[in-house]
Amino acid sequence: MLDPMTTMNISLPETLKSFVDEQVNERGYGTSSEYVRELIRRDQQRQQLRALLVEGAASGATTPVDGSYFESLRTRVRNAHK
């Protein structure tokens, strides 16, 4: 289910408004709101990825992986989709 929409008003200098309008027209967005929502979603994903990378970097060393490790991952994925 989609989250209910709410309104947020933002002020932009004319140069940024023009840029947003160009992006909406050139990239096929229906409205500037769609474009801004997409930017926010991408930023959320970027932050989530960064957090995972930081977590992984802080988790310490693991044993090296080899071909059999990746094959076991492929098998798990195949079995999960059955």
C-alpha atoms as a PDB file:
ATOM      1  CA  MET A   1       0.000   0.000   0.000  1.00  0.00           C
ATOM      2  CA  LEU A   2       1.293   3.448  -0.863  1.00  0.00           C
ATOM      3  CA  ASP A   3       1.940   6.011   1.816  1.00  0.00           C
ATOM      4  CA  PRO A   4      -0.614   8.814   1.839  1.00  0.00           C
ATOM      5  CA  MET A   5       0.654  11.974   0.180  1.00  0.00           C
ATOM      6  CA  THR A   6       1.235  15.170   2.080  1.00  0.00           C
ATOM      7  CA  THR A   7       2.320  18.558   0.827  1.00  0.00           C
ATOM      8  CA  MET A   8       5.661  20.269   1.276  1.00  0.00           C
ATOM      9  CA  ASN A   9       6.362  23.647  -0.242  1.00  0.00           C
ATOM     10  CA  ILE A  10       9.919  24.503  -1.177  1.00  0.00           C
ATOM     11  CA  SER A  11      11.471  27.690  -2.472  1.00  0.00           C
ATOM     12  CA  LEU A  12      14.035  27.555  -5.240  1.00  0.00           C
ATOM     13  CA  PRO A  13      16.008  30.224  -7.003  1.00  0.00           C
ATOM     14  CA  GLU A  14      14.943  30.618 -10.627  1.00  0.00           C
ATOM     15  CA  THR A  15      18.036  28.799 -11.910  1.00  0.00           C
ATOM     16  CA  LEU A  16      17.193  25.671  -9.909  1.00  0.00           C
ATOM     17  CA  LYS A  17      13.504  25.840 -10.842  1.00  0.00           C
ATOM     18  CA  SER A  18      14.504  26.036 -14.503  1.00  0.00           C
ATOM     19  CA  PHE A  19      16.785  23.044 -14.043  1.00  0.00           C
ATOM     20  CA  VAL A  20      13.988  21.023 -12.413  1.00  0.00           C
ATOM     21  CA  ASP A  21      11.586  21.978 -15.206  1.00  0.00           C
ATOM     22  CA  GLU A  22      14.138  20.865 -17.819  1.00  0.00           C
ATOM     23  CA  GLN A  23      14.658  17.540 -16.051  1.00  0.00           C
ATOM     24  CA  VAL A  24      10.910  16.948 -15.856  1.00  0.00           C
ATOM     25  CA  ASN A  25      10.531  17.580 -19.585  1.00  0.00           C
ATOM     26  CA  GLU A  26      13.668  15.773 -20.764  1.00  0.00           C
ATOM     27  CA  ARG A  27      13.449  12.732 -18.519  1.00  0.00           C
ATOM     28  CA  GLY A  28       9.749  12.001 -18.791  1.00  0.00           C
ATOM     29  CA  TYR A  29       8.524  12.901 -15.325  1.00  0.00           C
ATOM     30  CA  GLY A  30       4.904  13.998 -15.144  1.00  0.00           C
ATOM     31  CA  THR A  31       5.490  16.700 -12.567  1.00  0.00           C
ATOM     32  CA  SER A  32       8.275  18.346 -10.626  1.00  0.00           C
ATOM     33  CA  SER A  33       6.987  16.488  -7.553  1.00  0.00           C
ATOM     34  CA  GLU A  34       7.706  13.154  -9.256  1.00  0.00           C
ATOM     35  CA  TYR A  35      11.236  14.310 -10.026  1.00  0.00           C
ATOM     36  CA  VAL A  36      11.873  15.475  -6.451  1.00  0.00           C
ATOM     37  CA  ARG A  37      10.427  12.250  -5.001  1.00  0.00           C
ATOM     38  CA  GLU A  38      12.793  10.246  -7.230  1.00  0.00           C
ATOM     39  CA  LEU A  39      15.766  12.311  -6.042  1.00  0.00           C
ATOM     40  CA  ILE A  40      14.784  11.719  -2.417  1.00  0.00           C
ATOM     41  CA  ARG A  41      14.352   7.970  -2.968  1.00  0.00           C
ATOM     42  CA  ARG A  42      17.785   7.780  -4.612  1.00  0.00           C
ATOM     43  CA  ASP A  43      19.333   9.668  -1.702  1.00  0.00           C
ATOM     44  CA  GLN A  44      17.673   7.258   0.759  1.00  0.00           C
ATOM     45  CA  GLN A  45      19.076   4.299  -1.189  1.00  0.00           C
ATOM     46  CA  ARG A  46      22.521   5.906  -1.306  1.00  0.00           C
ATOM     47  CA  GLN A  47      22.478   6.427   2.464  1.00  0.00           C
ATOM     48  CA  GLN A  48      21.335   2.836   3.063  1.00  0.00           C
ATOM     49  CA  LEU A  49      24.106   1.513   0.835  1.00  0.00           C
ATOM     50  CA  ARG A  50      26.671   3.691   2.567  1.00  0.00           C
ATOM     51  CA  ALA A  51      25.522   2.407   5.973  1.00  0.00           C
ATOM     52  CA  LEU A  52      25.872  -1.187   4.759  1.00  0.00           C
ATOM     53  CA  LEU A  53      29.341  -0.483   3.395  1.00  0.00           C
ATOM     54  CA  VAL A  54      30.432   1.146   6.653  1.00  0.00           C
ATOM     55  CA  GLU A  55      28.979  -1.765   8.621  1.00  0.00           C
ATOM     56  CA  GLY A  56      30.796  -4.239   6.403  1.00  0.00           C
ATOM     57  CA  ALA A  57      34.085  -2.363   6.683  1.00  0.00           C
ATOM     58  CA  ALA A  58      33.778  -2.313  10.463  1.00  0.00           C
ATOM     59  CA  SER A  59      32.906  -6.006  10.725  1.00  0.00           C
ATOM     60  CA  GLY A  60      36.483  -7.192  10.467  1.00  0.00           C
ATOM     61  CA  ALA A  61      38.251  -9.628   8.215  1.00  0.00           C
ATOM     62  CA  THR A  62      36.642 -12.829   7.022  1.00  0.00           C
ATOM     63  CA  THR A  63      37.973 -15.885   5.294  1.00  0.00           C
ATOM     64  CA  PRO A  64      38.689 -15.426   1.588  1.00  0.00           C
ATOM     65  CA  VAL A  65      35.967 -16.557  -0.787  1.00  0.00           C
ATOM     66  CA  ASP A  66      36.466 -18.805  -3.767  1.00  0.00           C
ATOM     67  CA  GLY A  67      34.456 -20.246  -6.620  1.00  0.00           C
ATOM     68  CA  SER A  68      32.623 -22.749  -4.427  1.00  0.00           C
ATOM     69  CA  TYR A  69      31.368 -19.923  -2.195  1.00  0.00           C
ATOM     70  CA  PHE A  70      29.809 -18.153  -5.179  1.00  0.00           C
ATOM     71  CA  GLU A  71      28.367 -21.386  -6.497  1.00  0.00           C
ATOM     72  CA  SER A  72      26.687 -21.993  -3.126  1.00  0.00           C
ATOM     73  CA  LEU A  73      25.178 -18.500  -3.350  1.00  0.00           C
ATOM     74  CA  ARG A  74      23.851 -19.246  -6.833  1.00  0.00           C
ATOM     75  CA  THR A  75      22.335 -22.495  -5.575  1.00  0.00           C
ATOM     76  CA  ARG A  76      20.633 -20.690  -2.669  1.00  0.00           C
ATOM     77  CA  VAL A  77      19.184 -18.088  -5.029  1.00  0.00           C
ATOM     78  CA  ARG A  78      17.940 -20.741  -7.454  1.00  0.00           C
ATOM     79  CA  ASN A  79      16.320 -22.696  -4.628  1.00  0.00           C
ATOM     80  CA  ALA A  80      14.707 -19.566  -3.190  1.00  0.00           C
ATOM     81  CA  HIS A  81      12.959 -18.862  -6.510  1.00  0.00           C
ATOM     82  CA  LYS A  82      11.380 -22.328  -6.830  1.00  0.00           C
END
